[in-house]
Amino acid sequence: MALFRRGASENDVRSRLLDQRIDWKNHTGIKRKEAYLKRTIQRAKRLVEST
């Protein structure tokens, strides 16, 4: 959420999540990882836009 508040794009946030997250064991496989990223980014963006 902090990145969105600073004006970062969805691609920037996605790149940051991929670079900094170490443990992906709960989201193994491409589909699960993509679903997690999409869901997380959309929720954060929606929360920032609503405040």
Protein backbone atom coordinates (compact mmCIF):
# COMPACT_ATOMS: atom_id res chain seq x y z
CA MET A 1 0.00 0.00 0.00
CA ALA A 2 2.86 2.34 0.74
CA LEU A 3 4.11 2.02 -2.83
CA PHE A 4 0.71 2.93 -4.24
CA ARG A 5 0.52 5.91 -1.90
CA ARG A 6 3.83 7.09 -3.34
CA GLY A 7 2.48 6.79 -6.89
CA ALA A 8 4.01 3.47 -7.92
CA SER A 9 2.42 1.58 -10.80
CA GLU A 10 1.00 -1.93 -10.56
CA ASN A 11 4.05 -3.21 -12.45
CA ASP A 12 6.37 -1.56 -9.93
CA VAL A 13 4.51 -3.14 -7.02
CA ARG A 14 4.49 -6.53 -8.74
CA SER A 15 8.25 -6.35 -9.37
CA ARG A 16 8.88 -5.40 -5.76
CA LEU A 17 6.79 -8.31 -4.47
CA LEU A 18 8.60 -10.76 -6.73
CA ASP A 19 12.02 -9.41 -5.76
CA GLN A 20 11.50 -9.21 -2.02
CA ARG A 21 9.28 -12.15 -1.13
CA ILE A 22 11.38 -15.11 -0.05
CA ASP A 23 8.82 -17.77 0.86
CA TRP A 24 6.51 -18.88 -1.96
CA LYS A 25 5.69 -22.36 -0.58
CA ASN A 26 1.99 -21.48 -0.10
CA HIS A 27 1.78 -20.27 -3.69
CA THR A 28 3.59 -22.93 -5.67
CA GLY A 29 3.07 -23.04 -9.40
CA ILE A 30 2.66 -20.27 -11.90
CA LYS A 31 -1.15 -20.05 -11.67
CA ARG A 32 -1.21 -19.81 -7.87
CA LYS A 33 1.58 -17.24 -7.80
CA GLU A 34 -0.11 -15.12 -10.48
CA ALA A 35 -3.46 -15.32 -8.66
CA TYR A 36 -1.80 -14.25 -5.41
CA LEU A 37 -0.05 -11.30 -7.06
CA LYS A 38 -3.18 -10.13 -8.84
CA ARG A 39 -5.34 -10.43 -5.72
CA THR A 40 -2.82 -8.73 -3.44
CA ILE A 41 -2.13 -5.84 -5.79
CA GLN A 42 -5.81 -5.21 -6.47
CA ARG A 43 -6.67 -5.21 -2.76
CA ALA A 44 -3.88 -2.81 -1.89
CA LYS A 45 -4.77 -0.49 -4.74
CA ARG A 46 -8.46 -0.51 -3.81
CA LEU A 47 -7.68 0.27 -0.17
CA VAL A 48 -5.43 3.18 -1.08
CA GLU A 49 -7.98 4.61 -3.52
CA SER A 50 -10.76 4.43 -0.94
CA THR A 51 -8.89 6.45 1.70
